[in-house]
PDB file of N, CA and C in Angstrom:
ATOM      1  N   UNK A   1      93.327  80.201 108.332  1.00  0.00           N
ATOM      2  CA  UNK A   1      92.496  80.502 109.721  1.00  0.00           C
ATOM      3  C   UNK A   1      91.693  79.630 108.610  1.00  0.00           C
ATOM      4  N   UNK A   2      90.826  78.661 109.689  1.00  0.00           N
ATOM      5  CA  UNK A   2      90.168  77.872 108.653  1.00  0.00           C
ATOM      6  C   UNK A   2      88.683  78.442 108.055  1.00  0.00           C
ATOM      7  N   UNK A   3      88.906  77.272 107.009  1.00  0.00           N
ATOM      8  CA  UNK A   3      87.109  78.374 105.820  1.00  0.00           C
ATOM      9  C   UNK A   3      86.036  78.299 107.031  1.00  0.00           C
ATOM     10  N   UNK A   4      85.395  78.061 107.554  1.00  0.00           N
ATOM     11  CA  UNK A   4      84.447  78.364 108.338  1.00  0.00           C
ATOM     12  C   UNK A   4      84.183  79.436 109.179  1.00  0.00           C
ATOM     13  N   UNK A   5      85.630  79.648 110.248  1.00  0.00           N
ATOM     14  CA  UNK A   5      85.666  80.731 111.001  1.00  0.00           C
ATOM     15  C   UNK A   5      85.689  81.925 110.232  1.00  0.00           C
ATOM     16  N   UNK A   6      86.569  82.206 108.856  1.00  0.00           N
ATOM     17  CA  UNK A   6      86.137  82.747 108.082  1.00  0.00           C
ATOM     18  C   UNK A   6      84.722  82.914 107.266  1.00  0.00           C
ATOM     19  N   UNK A   7      83.400  82.430 107.093  1.00  0.00           N
ATOM     20  CA  UNK A   7      82.490  82.066 107.043  1.00  0.00           C
ATOM     21  C   UNK A   7      81.720  82.860 108.277  1.00  0.00           C
ATOM     22  N   UNK A   8      81.872  81.960 109.942  1.00  0.00           N
ATOM     23  CA  UNK A   8      80.590  82.587 110.756  1.00  0.00           C
ATOM     24  C   UNK A   8      80.955  84.057 110.439  1.00  0.00           C
ATOM     25  N   UNK A   9      82.129  84.373 110.227  1.00  0.00           N
ATOM     26  CA  UNK A   9      83.199  85.991 110.801  1.00  0.00           C
ATOM     27  C   UNK A   9      81.897  86.778 109.630  1.00  0.00           C
ATOM     28  N   UNK A  10      81.679  86.585 108.333  1.00  0.00           N
ATOM     29  CA  UNK A  10      81.588  87.615 106.642  1.00  0.00           C
ATOM     30  C   UNK A  10      80.001  86.909 107.507  1.00  0.00           C
ATOM     31  N   UNK A  11      79.868  86.292 108.202  1.00  0.00           N
ATOM     32  CA  UNK A  11      78.242  85.700 108.130  1.00  0.00           C
ATOM     33  C   UNK A  11      77.767  87.402 109.228  1.00  0.00           C
ATOM     34  N   UNK A  12      78.272  87.531 109.862  1.00  0.00           N
ATOM     35  CA  UNK A  12      78.671  88.451 110.874  1.00  0.00           C
ATOM     36  C   UNK A  12      78.760  89.739 110.775  1.00  0.00           C
ATOM     37  N   UNK A  13      78.992  90.310 109.254  1.00  0.00           N
ATOM     38  CA  UNK A  13      79.419  91.356 108.956  1.00  0.00           C
ATOM     39  C   UNK A  13      78.474  91.958 108.755  1.00  0.00           C
ATOM     40  N   UNK A  14      78.187  91.050 107.619  1.00  0.00           N
ATOM     41  CA  UNK A  14      76.565  91.352 106.471  1.00  0.00           C
ATOM     42  C   UNK A  14      75.621  91.719 106.905  1.00  0.00           C
ATOM     43  N   UNK A  15      75.985  91.297 108.343  1.00  0.00           N
ATOM     44  CA  UNK A  15      74.375  91.639 109.342  1.00  0.00           C
ATOM     45  C   UNK A  15      74.396  92.576 109.687  1.00  0.00           C
ATOM     46  N   UNK A  16      75.286  93.041 110.200  1.00  0.00           N
ATOM     47  CA  UNK A  16      75.101  94.521 110.515  1.00  0.00           C
ATOM     48  C   UNK A  16      74.867  95.330 108.831  1.00  0.00           C
ATOM     49  N   UNK A  17      75.808  95.026 108.104  1.00  0.00           N
ATOM     50  CA  UNK A  17      76.957  96.353 107.554  1.00  0.00           C
ATOM     51  C   UNK A  17      75.451  96.141 106.802  1.00  0.00           C
ATOM     52  N   UNK A  18      75.709  94.625 106.098  1.00  0.00           N
ATOM     53  CA  UNK A  18      74.664  95.026 104.444  1.00  0.00           C
ATOM     54  C   UNK A  18      76.257  94.571 103.211  1.00  0.00           C
ATOM     55  N   UNK A  19      75.229  93.394 103.046  1.00  0.00           N
ATOM     56  CA  UNK A  19      76.582  92.251 101.615  1.00  0.00           C
ATOM     57  C   UNK A  19      77.808  93.508 101.208  1.00  0.00           C
ATOM     58  N   UNK A  20      77.840  94.613 100.729  1.00  0.00           N
ATOM     59  CA  UNK A  20      79.066  95.090  99.894  1.00  0.00           C
ATOM     60  C   UNK A  20      79.526  95.736 100.818  1.00  0.00           C
ATOM     61  N   UNK A  21      78.842  96.053 101.968  1.00  0.00           N
ATOM     62  CA  UNK A  21      79.952  97.303 102.921  1.00  0.00           C
ATOM     63  C   UNK A  21      80.896  96.639 103.819  1.00  0.00           C
ATOM     64  N   UNK A  22      80.237  95.422 104.239  1.00  0.00           N
ATOM     65  CA  UNK A  22      80.544  94.167 104.871  1.00  0.00           C
ATOM     66  C   UNK A  22      81.299  93.005 104.172  1.00  0.00           C
ATOM     67  N   UNK A  23      81.265  92.824 103.218  1.00  0.00           N
ATOM     68  CA  UNK A  23      82.708  91.937 102.381  1.00  0.00           C
ATOM     69  C   UNK A  23      83.559  93.414 102.135  1.00  0.00           C
ATOM     70  N   UNK A  24      83.684  94.285 101.664  1.00  0.00           N
ATOM     71  CA  UNK A  24      84.531  95.411 101.153  1.00  0.00           C
ATOM     72  C   UNK A  24      85.283  94.550 102.624  1.00  0.00           C
ATOM     73  N   UNK A  25      84.722  95.729 103.627  1.00  0.00           N
ATOM     74  CA  UNK A  25      85.492  95.144 104.842  1.00  0.00           C
ATOM     75  C   UNK A  25      86.105  93.979 105.218  1.00  0.00           C
ATOM     76  N   UNK A  26      85.690  93.158 105.071  1.00  0.00           N
ATOM     77  CA  UNK A  26      86.469  91.726 105.039  1.00  0.00           C
ATOM     78  C   UNK A  26      87.790  92.261 104.140  1.00  0.00           C
ATOM     79  N   UNK A  27      87.003  92.265 102.756  1.00  0.00           N
ATOM     80  CA  UNK A  27      88.755  92.168 101.922  1.00  0.00           C
ATOM     81  C   UNK A  27      89.698  93.442 102.265  1.00  0.00           C
ATOM     82  N   UNK A  28      89.624  93.831 103.272  1.00  0.00           N
ATOM     83  CA  UNK A  28      90.095  95.391 102.904  1.00  0.00           C
ATOM     84  C   UNK A  28      91.066  94.697 104.291  1.00  0.00           C
ATOM     85  N   UNK A  29      90.372  94.008 105.110  1.00  0.00           N
ATOM     86  CA  UNK A  29      91.390  94.134 107.029  1.00  0.00           C
ATOM     87  C   UNK A  29      92.218  92.850 106.359  1.00  0.00           C
ATOM     88  N   UNK A  30      92.002  91.531 104.889  1.00  0.00           N
ATOM     89  CA  UNK A  30      92.605  90.697 104.680  1.00  0.00           C
ATOM     90  C   UNK A  30      93.990  91.090 103.798  1.00  0.00           C
ATOM     91  N   UNK A  31      93.080  92.518 103.202  1.00  0.00           N
ATOM     92  CA  UNK A  31      94.803  92.939 102.085  1.00  0.00           C
ATOM     93  C   UNK A  31      95.401  94.300 103.272  1.00  0.00           C
ATOM     94  N   UNK A  32      95.218  94.165 104.619  1.00  0.00           N
ATOM     95  CA  UNK A  32      97.194  95.811 104.627  1.00  0.00           C
ATOM     96  C   UNK A  32      97.170  94.095 105.713  1.00  0.00           C
ATOM     97  N   UNK A  33      96.704  92.604 106.107  1.00  0.00           N
ATOM     98  CA  UNK A  33      97.230  92.585 106.911  1.00  0.00           C
ATOM     99  C   UNK A  33      98.062  90.870 105.629  1.00  0.00           C
ATOM    100  N   UNK A  34      97.620  90.198 105.040  1.00  0.00           N
ATOM    101  CA  UNK A  34      98.342  89.912 103.560  1.00  0.00           C
ATOM    102  C   UNK A  34      97.655  89.647 101.995  1.00  0.00           C
ATOM    103  N   UNK A  35      98.016  91.064 101.369  1.00  0.00           N
ATOM    104  CA  UNK A  35      97.454  90.927 100.158  1.00  0.00           C
ATOM    105  C   UNK A  35      97.694  89.264  99.181  1.00  0.00           C
ATOM    106  N   UNK A  36      98.792  89.572  99.494  1.00  0.00           N
ATOM    107  CA  UNK A  36      99.267  87.981  98.253  1.00  0.00           C
ATOM    108  C   UNK A  36      99.034  86.316  99.367  1.00  0.00           C
ATOM    109  N   UNK A  37      98.896  86.238 100.291  1.00  0.00           N
ATOM    110  CA  UNK A  37      98.402  85.470 100.719  1.00  0.00           C
ATOM    111  C   UNK A  37      96.181  84.692 101.062  1.00  0.00           C
ATOM    112  N   UNK A  38      96.316  83.455 100.791  1.00  0.00           N
ATOM    113  CA  UNK A  38      94.442  82.812 100.479  1.00  0.00           C
ATOM    114  C   UNK A  38      94.909  83.262 102.239  1.00  0.00           C
ATOM    115  N   UNK A  39      93.326  83.120 102.904  1.00  0.00           N
ATOM    116  CA  UNK A  39      93.001  83.138 103.965  1.00  0.00           C
ATOM    117  C   UNK A  39      92.803  81.957 104.485  1.00  0.00           C
ATOM    118  N   UNK A  40      93.182  81.370 103.373  1.00  0.00           N
ATOM    119  CA  UNK A  40      93.535  80.009 104.573  1.00  0.00           C
ATOM    120  C   UNK A  40      94.826  79.823 105.253  1.00  0.00           C
ATOM    121  N   UNK A  41      95.738  80.092 104.053  1.00  0.00           N
ATOM    122  CA  UNK A  41      97.447  79.718 104.180  1.00  0.00           C
ATOM    123  C   UNK A  41      97.899  81.428 105.263  1.00  0.00           C
ATOM    124  N   UNK A  42      97.270  81.869 106.236  1.00  0.00           N
ATOM    125  CA  UNK A  42      97.765  82.399 107.001  1.00  0.00           C
ATOM    126  C   UNK A  42      97.821  82.453 107.897  1.00  0.00           C
ATOM    127  N   UNK A  43      99.524  83.002 107.804  1.00  0.00           N
ATOM    128  CA  UNK A  43      99.544  82.444 109.993  1.00  0.00           C
ATOM    129  C   UNK A  43      98.890  83.080 111.324  1.00  0.00           C
ATOM    130  N   UNK A  44      99.046  82.033 112.214  1.00  0.00           N
ATOM    131  CA  UNK A  44      98.214  82.383 113.317  1.00  0.00           C
ATOM    132  C   UNK A  44      98.383  83.909 113.721  1.00  0.00           C
ATOM    133  N   UNK A  45     100.085  84.636 113.610  1.00  0.00           N
ATOM    134  CA  UNK A  45     100.151  86.413 113.688  1.00  0.00           C
ATOM    135  C   UNK A  45      98.551  86.976 113.232  1.00  0.00           C
ATOM    136  N   UNK A  46      98.987  86.433 111.642  1.00  0.00           N
ATOM    137  CA  UNK A  46      98.314  86.634 110.415  1.00  0.00           C
ATOM    138  C   UNK A  46      97.045  86.994 110.926  1.00  0.00           C
ATOM    139  N   UNK A  47      96.967  85.858 111.464  1.00  0.00           N
ATOM    140  CA  UNK A  47      94.931  85.356 112.011  1.00  0.00           C
ATOM    141  C   UNK A  47      94.185  86.291 112.401  1.00  0.00           C
ATOM    142  N   UNK A  48      95.060  86.377 114.081  1.00  0.00           N
ATOM    143  CA  UNK A  48      94.915  87.271 114.807  1.00  0.00           C
ATOM    144  C   UNK A  48      94.935  88.702 114.131  1.00  0.00           C
ATOM    145  N   UNK A  49      95.687  88.906 113.581  1.00  0.00           N
ATOM    146  CA  UNK A  49      96.149  90.489 113.446  1.00  0.00           C
ATOM    147  C   UNK A  49      94.738  90.847 112.369  1.00  0.00           C
ATOM    148  N   UNK A  50      94.029  89.759 111.786  1.00  0.00           N
ATOM    149  CA  UNK A  50      92.934  89.920 110.577  1.00  0.00           C
ATOM    150  C   UNK A  50      91.621  90.106 112.068  1.00  0.00           C
ATOM    151  N   UNK A  51      91.766  89.365 112.484  1.00  0.00           N
ATOM    152  CA  UNK A  51      90.653  89.002 112.812  1.00  0.00           C
ATOM    153  C   UNK A  51      90.774  90.157 114.440  1.00  0.00           C
ATOM    154  N   UNK A  52      91.783  90.783 114.564  1.00  0.00           N
ATOM    155  CA  UNK A  52      91.593  92.644 115.244  1.00  0.00           C
ATOM    156  C   UNK A  52      91.213  93.515 114.909  1.00  0.00           C
ATOM    157  N   UNK A  53      91.477  93.923 113.846  1.00  0.00           N
ATOM    158  CA  UNK A  53      90.914  95.110 111.967  1.00  0.00           C
ATOM    159  C   UNK A  53      89.519  94.040 112.241  1.00  0.00           C
ATOM    160  N   UNK A  54      88.905  93.024 112.136  1.00  0.00           N
ATOM    161  CA  UNK A  54      87.240  93.383 111.380  1.00  0.00           C
ATOM    162  C   UNK A  54      87.336  93.042 113.086  1.00  0.00           C
ATOM    163  N   UNK A  55      86.837  92.921 113.796  1.00  0.00           N
ATOM    164  CA  UNK A  55      86.421  93.417 115.221  1.00  0.00           C
ATOM    165  C   UNK A  55      86.884  95.122 115.291  1.00  0.00           C
ATOM    166  N   UNK A  56      88.130  96.328 115.000  1.00  0.00           N
ATOM    167  CA  UNK A  56      87.759  97.441 115.493  1.00  0.00           C
ATOM    168  C   UNK A  56      86.332  97.604 114.135  1.00  0.00           C
ATOM    169  N   UNK A  57      86.258  98.068 113.084  1.00  0.00           N
ATOM    170  CA  UNK A  57      86.505  97.705 112.742  1.00  0.00           C
ATOM    171  C   UNK A  57      84.492  97.097 112.465  1.00  0.00           C
ATOM    172  N   UNK A  58      84.586  96.307 112.737  1.00  0.00           N
ATOM    173  CA  UNK A  58      82.702  96.175 113.953  1.00  0.00           C
ATOM    174  C   UNK A  58      82.329  96.921 114.621  1.00  0.00           C
ATOM    175  N   UNK A  59      83.311  96.567 116.195  1.00  0.00           N
ATOM    176  CA  UNK A  59      82.979  97.574 116.778  1.00  0.00           C
ATOM    177  C   UNK A  59      82.538  99.082 116.782  1.00  0.00           C
ATOM    178  N   UNK A  60      84.162 100.012 115.140  1.00  0.00           N
ATOM    179  CA  UNK A  60      82.615 100.768 115.292  1.00  0.00           C
ATOM    180  C   UNK A  60      81.861 101.250 114.491  1.00  0.00           C
ATOM    181  N   UNK A  61      81.981 100.625 113.237  1.00  0.00           N
ATOM    182  CA  UNK A  61      79.823 100.858 112.668  1.00  0.00           C
ATOM    183  C   UNK A  61      79.363 100.603 113.331  1.00  0.00           C
ATOM    184  N   UNK A  62      79.526 100.325 113.424  1.00  0.00           N
ATOM    185  CA  UNK A  62      78.247  99.531 115.188  1.00  0.00           C
ATOM    186  C   UNK A  62      78.090 100.540 115.707  1.00  0.00           C
ATOM    187  N   UNK A  63      78.645 101.220 116.881  1.00  0.00           N
ATOM    188  CA  UNK A  63      78.871 102.493 117.829  1.00  0.00           C
ATOM    189  C   UNK A  63      78.041 103.604 116.439  1.00  0.00           C
ATOM    190  N   UNK A  64      78.532 104.032 115.520  1.00  0.00           N
ATOM    191  CA  UNK A  64      78.321 104.756 114.566  1.00  0.00           C
ATOM    192  C   UNK A  64      76.709 104.820 114.646  1.00  0.00           C
ATOM    193  N   UNK A  65      76.657 103.028 113.735  1.00  0.00           N
ATOM    194  CA  UNK A  65      74.707 102.881 114.285  1.00  0.00           C
ATOM    195  C   UNK A  65      74.115 103.356 115.000  1.00  0.00           C
ATOM    196  N   UNK A  66      74.104 103.797 116.217  1.00  0.00           N
ATOM    197  CA  UNK A  66      73.985 103.438 117.748  1.00  0.00           C
ATOM    198  C   UNK A  66      74.138 104.816 117.581  1.00  0.00           C
ATOM    199  N   UNK A  67      75.174 105.304 117.798  1.00  0.00           N
ATOM    200  CA  UNK A  67      75.178 107.287 117.833  1.00  0.00           C
ATOM    201  C   UNK A  67      73.972 107.595 116.799  1.00  0.00           C
ATOM    202  N   UNK A  68      73.465 107.212 115.710  1.00  0.00           N
ATOM    203  CA  UNK A  68      73.121 107.414 114.149  1.00  0.00           C
ATOM    204  C   UNK A  68      71.890 108.246 114.959  1.00  0.00           C
TER     205      UNK A  68
END
């Protein structure tokens, strides 16, 4: 994954969830896919997996906020 993409995702996640929760969600998703590998060395498949997990968390969090 390119760093600029990671930063763009980070801005979106922290805007919705707040700094701590957004960063934690991003780190957890990365650790689930490739715990020992830096984000900029992920393969295309790993990249897609991380983005999919982040999208799931983002949508779930957004849905939970709207239901409250």
